[in-house]
PDB file of all heavy atoms in Angstrom:
ATOM      1  N   GLU A   1     -27.668  -3.073 -27.030  1.00  0.00           N
ATOM      2  CA  GLU A   1     -27.691  -3.433 -25.605  1.00  0.00           C
ATOM      3  C   GLU A   1     -26.430  -3.962 -25.111  1.00  0.00           C
ATOM      4  O   GLU A   1     -25.908  -3.625 -24.052  1.00  0.00           O
ATOM      5  CB  GLU A   1     -28.895  -4.397 -25.320  1.00  0.00           C
ATOM      6  CG  GLU A   1     -29.069  -4.730 -23.945  1.00  0.00           C
ATOM      7  CD  GLU A   1     -30.264  -5.714 -23.683  1.00  0.00           C
ATOM      8  OE1 GLU A   1     -30.973  -5.979 -24.701  1.00  0.00           O
ATOM      9  OE2 GLU A   1     -30.513  -6.130 -22.535  1.00  0.00           O
ATOM     10  N   ALA A   2     -25.840  -4.910 -25.994  1.00  0.00           N
ATOM     11  CA  ALA A   2     -24.507  -5.461 -25.638  1.00  0.00           C
ATOM     12  C   ALA A   2     -23.438  -4.407 -25.533  1.00  0.00           C
ATOM     13  O   ALA A   2     -22.601  -4.451 -24.663  1.00  0.00           O
ATOM     14  CB  ALA A   2     -24.143  -6.599 -26.637  1.00  0.00           C
ATOM     15  N   SER A   3     -23.482  -3.501 -26.558  1.00  0.00           N
ATOM     16  CA  SER A   3     -22.473  -2.456 -26.572  1.00  0.00           C
ATOM     17  C   SER A   3     -22.607  -1.582 -25.384  1.00  0.00           C
ATOM     18  O   SER A   3     -21.626  -1.097 -24.748  1.00  0.00           O
ATOM     19  CB  SER A   3     -22.659  -1.576 -27.894  1.00  0.00           C
ATOM     20  OG  SER A   3     -21.726  -0.532 -27.899  1.00  0.00           O
ATOM     21  N   SER A   4     -23.840  -1.266 -24.969  1.00  0.00           N
ATOM     22  CA  SER A   4     -24.085  -0.406 -23.792  1.00  0.00           C
ATOM     23  C   SER A   4     -23.566  -1.097 -22.505  1.00  0.00           C
ATOM     24  O   SER A   4     -22.997  -0.520 -21.632  1.00  0.00           O
ATOM     25  CB  SER A   4     -25.523  -0.054 -23.673  1.00  0.00           C
ATOM     26  OG  SER A   4     -25.868   0.646 -22.498  1.00  0.00           O
ATOM     27  N   TYR A   5     -23.843  -2.396 -22.470  1.00  0.00           N
ATOM     28  CA  TYR A   5     -23.379  -3.221 -21.299  1.00  0.00           C
ATOM     29  C   TYR A   5     -21.905  -3.215 -21.226  1.00  0.00           C
ATOM     30  O   TYR A   5     -21.292  -3.092 -20.165  1.00  0.00           O
ATOM     31  CB  TYR A   5     -23.892  -4.612 -21.358  1.00  0.00           C
ATOM     32  CG  TYR A   5     -23.393  -5.541 -20.317  1.00  0.00           C
ATOM     33  CD1 TYR A   5     -23.941  -5.489 -18.991  1.00  0.00           C
ATOM     34  CD2 TYR A   5     -22.405  -6.463 -20.586  1.00  0.00           C
ATOM     35  CE1 TYR A   5     -23.453  -6.360 -18.050  1.00  0.00           C
ATOM     36  CE2 TYR A   5     -21.921  -7.332 -19.604  1.00  0.00           C
ATOM     37  CZ  TYR A   5     -22.405  -7.248 -18.356  1.00  0.00           C
ATOM     38  OH  TYR A   5     -21.967  -8.008 -17.338  1.00  0.00           O
ATOM     39  N   ILE A   6     -21.203  -3.427 -22.379  1.00  0.00           N
ATOM     40  CA  ILE A   6     -19.770  -3.500 -22.427  1.00  0.00           C
ATOM     41  C   ILE A   6     -19.206  -2.116 -22.019  1.00  0.00           C
ATOM     42  O   ILE A   6     -18.169  -2.028 -21.202  1.00  0.00           O
ATOM     43  CB  ILE A   6     -19.242  -3.861 -23.773  1.00  0.00           C
ATOM     44  CG1 ILE A   6     -19.681  -5.343 -24.100  1.00  0.00           C
ATOM     45  CG2 ILE A   6     -17.735  -3.650 -23.976  1.00  0.00           C
ATOM     46  CD1 ILE A   6     -19.331  -5.728 -25.555  1.00  0.00           C
ATOM     47  N   GLU A   7     -19.825  -1.089 -22.476  1.00  0.00           N
ATOM     48  CA  GLU A   7     -19.341   0.301 -22.165  1.00  0.00           C
ATOM     49  C   GLU A   7     -19.456   0.548 -20.680  1.00  0.00           C
ATOM     50  O   GLU A   7     -18.577   1.116 -20.047  1.00  0.00           O
ATOM     51  CB  GLU A   7     -20.157   1.321 -22.987  1.00  0.00           C
ATOM     52  CG  GLU A   7     -19.686   2.745 -22.656  1.00  0.00           C
ATOM     53  CD  GLU A   7     -20.494   3.708 -23.602  1.00  0.00           C
ATOM     54  OE1 GLU A   7     -21.315   3.328 -24.401  1.00  0.00           O
ATOM     55  OE2 GLU A   7     -20.212   4.992 -23.388  1.00  0.00           O
ATOM     56  N   GLN A   8     -20.555   0.140 -20.044  1.00  0.00           N
ATOM     57  CA  GLN A   8     -20.744   0.316 -18.591  1.00  0.00           C
ATOM     58  C   GLN A   8     -19.720  -0.461 -17.833  1.00  0.00           C
ATOM     59  O   GLN A   8     -19.187   0.046 -16.831  1.00  0.00           O
ATOM     60  CB  GLN A   8     -22.179  -0.095 -18.212  1.00  0.00           C
ATOM     61  CG  GLN A   8     -23.296   0.845 -18.771  1.00  0.00           C
ATOM     62  CD  GLN A   8     -24.629   0.345 -18.423  1.00  0.00           C
ATOM     63  OE1 GLN A   8     -24.817  -0.681 -17.761  1.00  0.00           O
ATOM     64  NE2 GLN A   8     -25.675   1.174 -18.817  1.00  0.00           N
ATOM     65  N   GLU A   9     -19.485  -1.707 -18.354  1.00  0.00           N
ATOM     66  CA  GLU A   9     -18.404  -2.497 -17.606  1.00  0.00           C
ATOM     67  C   GLU A   9     -17.103  -1.905 -17.788  1.00  0.00           C
ATOM     68  O   GLU A   9     -16.326  -1.929 -16.750  1.00  0.00           O
ATOM     69  CB  GLU A   9     -18.478  -3.974 -18.244  1.00  0.00           C
ATOM     70  CG  GLU A   9     -19.636  -4.759 -17.897  1.00  0.00           C
ATOM     71  CD  GLU A   9     -19.812  -5.080 -16.405  1.00  0.00           C
ATOM     72  OE1 GLU A   9     -18.722  -5.358 -15.793  1.00  0.00           O
ATOM     73  OE2 GLU A   9     -20.963  -4.933 -15.799  1.00  0.00           O
ATOM     74  N   GLN A  10     -16.776  -1.325 -18.881  1.00  0.00           N
ATOM     75  CA  GLN A  10     -15.499  -0.711 -19.074  1.00  0.00           C
ATOM     76  C   GLN A  10     -15.384   0.514 -18.092  1.00  0.00           C
ATOM     77  O   GLN A  10     -14.295   0.733 -17.582  1.00  0.00           O
ATOM     78  CB  GLN A  10     -15.324  -0.294 -20.524  1.00  0.00           C
ATOM     79  CG  GLN A  10     -15.082  -1.424 -21.504  1.00  0.00           C
ATOM     80  CD  GLN A  10     -15.006  -0.937 -22.933  1.00  0.00           C
ATOM     81  OE1 GLN A  10     -15.362   0.178 -23.267  1.00  0.00           O
ATOM     82  NE2 GLN A  10     -14.493  -1.810 -23.789  1.00  0.00           N
ATOM     83  N   ILE A  11     -16.473   1.286 -17.976  1.00  0.00           N
ATOM     84  CA  ILE A  11     -16.497   2.467 -17.116  1.00  0.00           C
ATOM     85  C   ILE A  11     -16.230   1.944 -15.694  1.00  0.00           C
ATOM     86  O   ILE A  11     -15.410   2.561 -14.928  1.00  0.00           O
ATOM     87  CB  ILE A  11     -17.757   3.214 -17.211  1.00  0.00           C
ATOM     88  CG1 ILE A  11     -17.885   3.832 -18.610  1.00  0.00           C
ATOM     89  CG2 ILE A  11     -17.910   4.229 -16.133  1.00  0.00           C
ATOM     90  CD1 ILE A  11     -19.177   4.532 -18.832  1.00  0.00           C
ATOM     91  N   LYS A  12     -16.880   0.815 -15.281  1.00  0.00           N
ATOM     92  CA  LYS A  12     -16.753   0.326 -13.911  1.00  0.00           C
ATOM     93  C   LYS A  12     -15.282  -0.116 -13.731  1.00  0.00           C
ATOM     94  O   LYS A  12     -14.740   0.151 -12.630  1.00  0.00           O
ATOM     95  CB  LYS A  12     -17.686  -0.838 -13.696  1.00  0.00           C
ATOM     96  CG  LYS A  12     -19.204  -0.415 -13.539  1.00  0.00           C
ATOM     97  CD  LYS A  12     -20.065  -1.661 -13.336  1.00  0.00           C
ATOM     98  CE  LYS A  12     -21.547  -1.254 -13.269  1.00  0.00           C
ATOM     99  NZ  LYS A  12     -22.394  -2.348 -13.090  1.00  0.00           N
ATOM    100  N   GLN A  13     -14.770  -0.859 -14.703  1.00  0.00           N
ATOM    101  CA  GLN A  13     -13.431  -1.335 -14.620  1.00  0.00           C
ATOM    102  C   GLN A  13     -12.416  -0.147 -14.521  1.00  0.00           C
ATOM    103  O   GLN A  13     -11.461  -0.165 -13.734  1.00  0.00           O
ATOM    104  CB  GLN A  13     -13.033  -2.245 -15.752  1.00  0.00           C
ATOM    105  CG  GLN A  13     -13.765  -3.580 -15.726  1.00  0.00           C
ATOM    106  CD  GLN A  13     -13.447  -4.398 -16.975  1.00  0.00           C
ATOM    107  OE1 GLN A  13     -12.679  -4.023 -17.825  1.00  0.00           O
ATOM    108  NE2 GLN A  13     -14.030  -5.562 -17.042  1.00  0.00           N
ATOM    109  N   SER A  14     -12.671   0.879 -15.295  1.00  0.00           N
ATOM    110  CA  SER A  14     -11.836   2.072 -15.230  1.00  0.00           C
ATOM    111  C   SER A  14     -11.846   2.692 -13.816  1.00  0.00           C
ATOM    112  O   SER A  14     -10.809   3.216 -13.303  1.00  0.00           O
ATOM    113  CB  SER A  14     -12.246   3.064 -16.327  1.00  0.00           C
ATOM    114  OG  SER A  14     -12.198   2.546 -17.609  1.00  0.00           O
ATOM    115  N   GLN A  15     -13.070   2.757 -13.316  1.00  0.00           N
ATOM    116  CA  GLN A  15     -13.179   3.355 -11.953  1.00  0.00           C
ATOM    117  C   GLN A  15     -12.418   2.524 -10.907  1.00  0.00           C
ATOM    118  O   GLN A  15     -11.755   3.082 -10.040  1.00  0.00           O
ATOM    119  CB  GLN A  15     -14.601   3.445 -11.621  1.00  0.00           C
ATOM    120  CG  GLN A  15     -15.398   4.515 -12.407  1.00  0.00           C
ATOM    121  CD  GLN A  15     -16.925   4.558 -12.067  1.00  0.00           C
ATOM    122  OE1 GLN A  15     -17.430   3.628 -11.458  1.00  0.00           O
ATOM    123  NE2 GLN A  15     -17.583   5.505 -12.534  1.00  0.00           N
ATOM    124  N   VAL A  16     -12.527   1.149 -11.092  1.00  0.00           N
ATOM    125  CA  VAL A  16     -11.822   0.308 -10.111  1.00  0.00           C
ATOM    126  C   VAL A  16     -10.333   0.453 -10.237  1.00  0.00           C
ATOM    127  O   VAL A  16      -9.603   0.504  -9.263  1.00  0.00           O
ATOM    128  CB  VAL A  16     -12.237  -1.169 -10.347  1.00  0.00           C
ATOM    129  CG1 VAL A  16     -11.440  -2.121  -9.560  1.00  0.00           C
ATOM    130  CG2 VAL A  16     -13.713  -1.407 -10.018  1.00  0.00           C
ATOM    131  N   VAL A  17      -9.855   0.555 -11.497  1.00  0.00           N
ATOM    132  CA  VAL A  17      -8.412   0.674 -11.763  1.00  0.00           C
ATOM    133  C   VAL A  17      -7.956   1.994 -11.176  1.00  0.00           C
ATOM    134  O   VAL A  17      -6.912   2.102 -10.561  1.00  0.00           O
ATOM    135  CB  VAL A  17      -8.157   0.639 -13.251  1.00  0.00           C
ATOM    136  CG1 VAL A  17      -6.706   0.958 -13.538  1.00  0.00           C
ATOM    137  CG2 VAL A  17      -8.398  -0.805 -13.777  1.00  0.00           C
ATOM    138  N   ALA A  18      -8.710   3.081 -11.433  1.00  0.00           N
ATOM    139  CA  ALA A  18      -8.347   4.434 -10.837  1.00  0.00           C
ATOM    140  C   ALA A  18      -8.290   4.356  -9.321  1.00  0.00           C
ATOM    141  O   ALA A  18      -7.381   4.996  -8.762  1.00  0.00           O
ATOM    142  CB  ALA A  18      -9.335   5.477 -11.373  1.00  0.00           C
ATOM    143  N   GLU A  19      -9.263   3.737  -8.729  1.00  0.00           N
ATOM    144  CA  GLU A  19      -9.278   3.649  -7.298  1.00  0.00           C
ATOM    145  C   GLU A  19      -8.076   2.847  -6.787  1.00  0.00           C
ATOM    146  O   GLU A  19      -7.371   3.252  -5.775  1.00  0.00           O
ATOM    147  CB  GLU A  19     -10.568   3.006  -6.816  1.00  0.00           C
ATOM    148  CG  GLU A  19     -10.699   2.960  -5.229  1.00  0.00           C
ATOM    149  CD  GLU A  19     -12.072   2.344  -4.840  1.00  0.00           C
ATOM    150  OE1 GLU A  19     -12.891   2.130  -5.711  1.00  0.00           O
ATOM    151  OE2 GLU A  19     -12.194   2.206  -3.668  1.00  0.00           O
ATOM    152  N   LEU A  20      -7.701   1.745  -7.453  1.00  0.00           N
ATOM    153  CA  LEU A  20      -6.633   0.965  -7.058  1.00  0.00           C
ATOM    154  C   LEU A  20      -5.280   1.773  -7.284  1.00  0.00           C
ATOM    155  O   LEU A  20      -4.412   1.623  -6.318  1.00  0.00           O
ATOM    156  CB  LEU A  20      -6.542  -0.406  -7.835  1.00  0.00           C
ATOM    157  CG  LEU A  20      -7.670  -1.364  -7.499  1.00  0.00           C
ATOM    158  CD1 LEU A  20      -7.574  -2.596  -8.496  1.00  0.00           C
ATOM    159  CD2 LEU A  20      -7.604  -1.850  -6.097  1.00  0.00           C
ATOM    160  N   GLU A  21      -5.202   2.418  -8.341  1.00  0.00           N
ATOM    161  CA  GLU A  21      -4.012   3.220  -8.613  1.00  0.00           C
ATOM    162  C   GLU A  21      -3.822   4.269  -7.498  1.00  0.00           C
ATOM    163  O   GLU A  21      -2.759   4.562  -6.992  1.00  0.00           O
ATOM    164  CB  GLU A  21      -4.064   3.863  -9.947  1.00  0.00           C
ATOM    165  CG  GLU A  21      -3.905   2.893 -11.094  1.00  0.00           C
ATOM    166  CD  GLU A  21      -3.951   3.569 -12.432  1.00  0.00           C
ATOM    167  OE1 GLU A  21      -4.465   4.751 -12.521  1.00  0.00           O
ATOM    168  OE2 GLU A  21      -3.582   2.880 -13.494  1.00  0.00           O
ATOM    169  N   SER A  22      -4.969   4.975  -7.072  1.00  0.00           N
ATOM    170  CA  SER A  22      -4.911   5.923  -6.013  1.00  0.00           C
ATOM    171  C   SER A  22      -4.431   5.323  -4.696  1.00  0.00           C
ATOM    172  O   SER A  22      -3.659   5.878  -3.959  1.00  0.00           O
ATOM    173  CB  SER A  22      -6.305   6.587  -5.895  1.00  0.00           C
ATOM    174  OG  SER A  22      -6.286   7.519  -4.838  1.00  0.00           O
ATOM    175  N   GLN A  23      -4.968   4.107  -4.446  1.00  0.00           N
ATOM    176  CA  GLN A  23      -4.588   3.404  -3.204  1.00  0.00           C
ATOM    177  C   GLN A  23      -3.096   3.041  -3.256  1.00  0.00           C
ATOM    178  O   GLN A  23      -2.360   3.201  -2.280  1.00  0.00           O
ATOM    179  CB  GLN A  23      -5.467   2.149  -2.981  1.00  0.00           C
ATOM    180  CG  GLN A  23      -6.897   2.458  -2.691  1.00  0.00           C
ATOM    181  CD  GLN A  23      -7.718   1.141  -2.510  1.00  0.00           C
ATOM    182  OE1 GLN A  23      -7.160   0.068  -2.706  1.00  0.00           O
ATOM    183  NE2 GLN A  23      -9.000   1.315  -2.294  1.00  0.00           N
ATOM    184  N   ILE A  24      -2.649   2.615  -4.423  1.00  0.00           N
ATOM    185  CA  ILE A  24      -1.245   2.273  -4.588  1.00  0.00           C
ATOM    186  C   ILE A  24      -0.353   3.465  -4.380  1.00  0.00           C
ATOM    187  O   ILE A  24       0.678   3.389  -3.720  1.00  0.00           O
ATOM    188  CB  ILE A  24      -0.960   1.613  -5.942  1.00  0.00           C
ATOM    189  CG1 ILE A  24      -1.661   0.209  -6.041  1.00  0.00           C
ATOM    190  CG2 ILE A  24       0.532   1.487  -6.244  1.00  0.00           C
ATOM    191  CD1 ILE A  24      -1.617  -0.391  -7.384  1.00  0.00           C
ATOM    192  N   GLU A  25      -0.751   4.599  -4.940  1.00  0.00           N
ATOM    193  CA  GLU A  25      -0.036   5.856  -4.782  1.00  0.00           C
ATOM    194  C   GLU A  25       0.091   6.271  -3.356  1.00  0.00           C
ATOM    195  O   GLU A  25       1.048   6.710  -2.812  1.00  0.00           O
ATOM    196  CB  GLU A  25      -0.646   6.934  -5.668  1.00  0.00           C
ATOM    197  CG  GLU A  25       0.172   8.264  -5.701  1.00  0.00           C
ATOM    198  CD  GLU A  25      -0.505   9.246  -6.586  1.00  0.00           C
ATOM    199  OE1 GLU A  25      -1.450   8.938  -7.297  1.00  0.00           O
ATOM    200  OE2 GLU A  25       0.021  10.440  -6.591  1.00  0.00           O
ATOM    201  N   ASP A  26      -1.117   6.134  -2.659  1.00  0.00           N
ATOM    202  CA  ASP A  26      -1.106   6.535  -1.246  1.00  0.00           C
ATOM    203  C   ASP A  26      -0.245   5.627  -0.420  1.00  0.00           C
ATOM    204  O   ASP A  26       0.448   6.080   0.441  1.00  0.00           O
ATOM    205  CB  ASP A  26      -2.596   6.437  -0.766  1.00  0.00           C
ATOM    206  CG  ASP A  26      -2.742   6.923   0.635  1.00  0.00           C
ATOM    207  OD1 ASP A  26      -2.345   8.055   0.943  1.00  0.00           O
ATOM    208  OD2 ASP A  26      -3.192   6.109   1.494  1.00  0.00           O
ATOM    209  N   LEU A  27      -0.278   4.342  -0.682  1.00  0.00           N
ATOM    210  CA  LEU A  27       0.555   3.418  -0.005  1.00  0.00           C
ATOM    211  C   LEU A  27       2.073   3.617  -0.254  1.00  0.00           C
ATOM    212  O   LEU A  27       2.884   3.561   0.654  1.00  0.00           O
ATOM    213  CB  LEU A  27       0.217   1.943  -0.390  1.00  0.00           C
ATOM    214  CG  LEU A  27      -1.133   1.472   0.193  1.00  0.00           C
ATOM    215  CD1 LEU A  27      -1.477   0.067  -0.443  1.00  0.00           C
ATOM    216  CD2 LEU A  27      -1.159   1.434   1.686  1.00  0.00           C
ATOM    217  N   ASN A  28       2.357   3.971  -1.544  1.00  0.00           N
ATOM    218  CA  ASN A  28       3.754   4.240  -1.867  1.00  0.00           C
ATOM    219  C   ASN A  28       4.248   5.519  -1.134  1.00  0.00           C
ATOM    220  O   ASN A  28       5.388   5.557  -0.615  1.00  0.00           O
ATOM    221  CB  ASN A  28       3.907   4.461  -3.390  1.00  0.00           C
ATOM    222  CG  ASN A  28       3.873   3.168  -4.160  1.00  0.00           C
ATOM    223  OD1 ASN A  28       4.206   2.122  -3.582  1.00  0.00           O
ATOM    224  ND2 ASN A  28       3.549   3.284  -5.441  1.00  0.00           N
ATOM    225  N   ASP A  29       3.360   6.527  -1.021  1.00  0.00           N
ATOM    226  CA  ASP A  29       3.717   7.752  -0.375  1.00  0.00           C
ATOM    227  C   ASP A  29       3.946   7.388   1.104  1.00  0.00           C
ATOM    228  O   ASP A  29       4.920   7.931   1.731  1.00  0.00           O
ATOM    229  CB  ASP A  29       2.521   8.754  -0.522  1.00  0.00           C
ATOM    230  CG  ASP A  29       2.899  10.082   0.213  1.00  0.00           C
ATOM    231  OD1 ASP A  29       3.820  10.727  -0.215  1.00  0.00           O
ATOM    232  OD2 ASP A  29       2.224  10.396   1.201  1.00  0.00           O
ATOM    233  N   LYS A  30       3.068   6.669   1.715  1.00  0.00           N
ATOM    234  CA  LYS A  30       3.266   6.277   3.168  1.00  0.00           C
ATOM    235  C   LYS A  30       4.515   5.466   3.447  1.00  0.00           C
ATOM    236  O   LYS A  30       5.252   5.634   4.358  1.00  0.00           O
ATOM    237  CB  LYS A  30       2.051   5.513   3.631  1.00  0.00           C
ATOM    238  CG  LYS A  30       0.751   6.308   3.721  1.00  0.00           C
ATOM    239  CD  LYS A  30      -0.395   5.453   4.263  1.00  0.00           C
ATOM    240  CE  LYS A  30      -1.677   6.315   4.357  1.00  0.00           C
ATOM    241  NZ  LYS A  30      -2.882   5.510   4.861  1.00  0.00           N
ATOM    242  N   LEU A  31       4.845   4.580   2.466  1.00  0.00           N
ATOM    243  CA  LEU A  31       6.042   3.817   2.504  1.00  0.00           C
ATOM    244  C   LEU A  31       7.227   4.649   2.415  1.00  0.00           C
ATOM    245  O   LEU A  31       8.192   4.489   3.244  1.00  0.00           O
ATOM    246  CB  LEU A  31       6.054   2.665   1.378  1.00  0.00           C
ATOM    247  CG  LEU A  31       7.254   1.806   1.258  1.00  0.00           C
ATOM    248  CD1 LEU A  31       7.461   1.071   2.595  1.00  0.00           C
ATOM    249  CD2 LEU A  31       7.230   0.887   0.113  1.00  0.00           C
ATOM    250  N   LEU A  32       7.241   5.576   1.460  1.00  0.00           N
ATOM    251  CA  LEU A  32       8.414   6.469   1.373  1.00  0.00           C
ATOM    252  C   LEU A  32       8.631   7.324   2.606  1.00  0.00           C
ATOM    253  O   LEU A  32       9.697   7.558   3.052  1.00  0.00           O
ATOM    254  CB  LEU A  32       8.277   7.332   0.112  1.00  0.00           C
ATOM    255  CG  LEU A  32       8.366   6.661  -1.280  1.00  0.00           C
ATOM    256  CD1 LEU A  32       8.005   7.615  -2.409  1.00  0.00           C
ATOM    257  CD2 LEU A  32       9.664   5.980  -1.434  1.00  0.00           C
ATOM    258  N   ARG A  33       7.470   7.799   3.167  1.00  0.00           N
ATOM    259  CA  ARG A  33       7.573   8.588   4.392  1.00  0.00           C
ATOM    260  C   ARG A  33       8.091   7.776   5.542  1.00  0.00           C
ATOM    261  O   ARG A  33       8.976   8.214   6.362  1.00  0.00           O
ATOM    262  CB  ARG A  33       6.213   9.127   4.769  1.00  0.00           C
ATOM    263  CG  ARG A  33       5.613  10.275   3.771  1.00  0.00           C
ATOM    264  CD  ARG A  33       4.277  10.729   4.181  1.00  0.00           C
ATOM    265  NE  ARG A  33       3.816  11.695   3.270  1.00  0.00           N
ATOM    266  CZ  ARG A  33       4.048  13.038   3.375  1.00  0.00           C
ATOM    267  NH1 ARG A  33       4.787  13.448   4.378  1.00  0.00           N
ATOM    268  NH2 ARG A  33       3.600  13.886   2.437  1.00  0.00           N
ATOM    269  N   ALA A  34       7.628   6.548   5.603  1.00  0.00           N
ATOM    270  CA  ALA A  34       8.118   5.618   6.699  1.00  0.00           C
ATOM    271  C   ALA A  34       9.541   5.313   6.587  1.00  0.00           C
ATOM    272  O   ALA A  34      10.378   5.328   7.492  1.00  0.00           O
ATOM    273  CB  ALA A  34       7.306   4.339   6.681  1.00  0.00           C
ATOM    274  N   LEU A  35      10.101   5.077   5.256  1.00  0.00           N
ATOM    275  CA  LEU A  35      11.449   4.791   5.003  1.00  0.00           C
ATOM    276  C   LEU A  35      12.229   6.059   5.340  1.00  0.00           C
ATOM    277  O   LEU A  35      13.376   5.897   5.957  1.00  0.00           O
ATOM    278  CB  LEU A  35      11.613   4.430   3.521  1.00  0.00           C
ATOM    279  CG  LEU A  35      11.091   3.048   3.159  1.00  0.00           C
ATOM    280  CD1 LEU A  35      11.270   2.841   1.724  1.00  0.00           C
ATOM    281  CD2 LEU A  35      11.770   1.867   3.914  1.00  0.00           C
ATOM    282  N   ALA A  36      11.785   7.189   5.007  1.00  0.00           N
ATOM    283  CA  ALA A  36      12.513   8.486   5.254  1.00  0.00           C
ATOM    284  C   ALA A  36      12.582   8.639   6.828  1.00  0.00           C
ATOM    285  O   ALA A  36      13.734   9.059   7.320  1.00  0.00           O
ATOM    286  CB  ALA A  36      11.795   9.666   4.618  1.00  0.00           C
TER     287      ALA A  36
END
């Protein structure tokens, strides 16, 4: 049960990290376009 909980938490954290990375990439792209 603990292992399953940890695995689920890791999946959630990975999803959050992926979403944040996507947002950062999008913001960087907008910033570069604005600078250009």
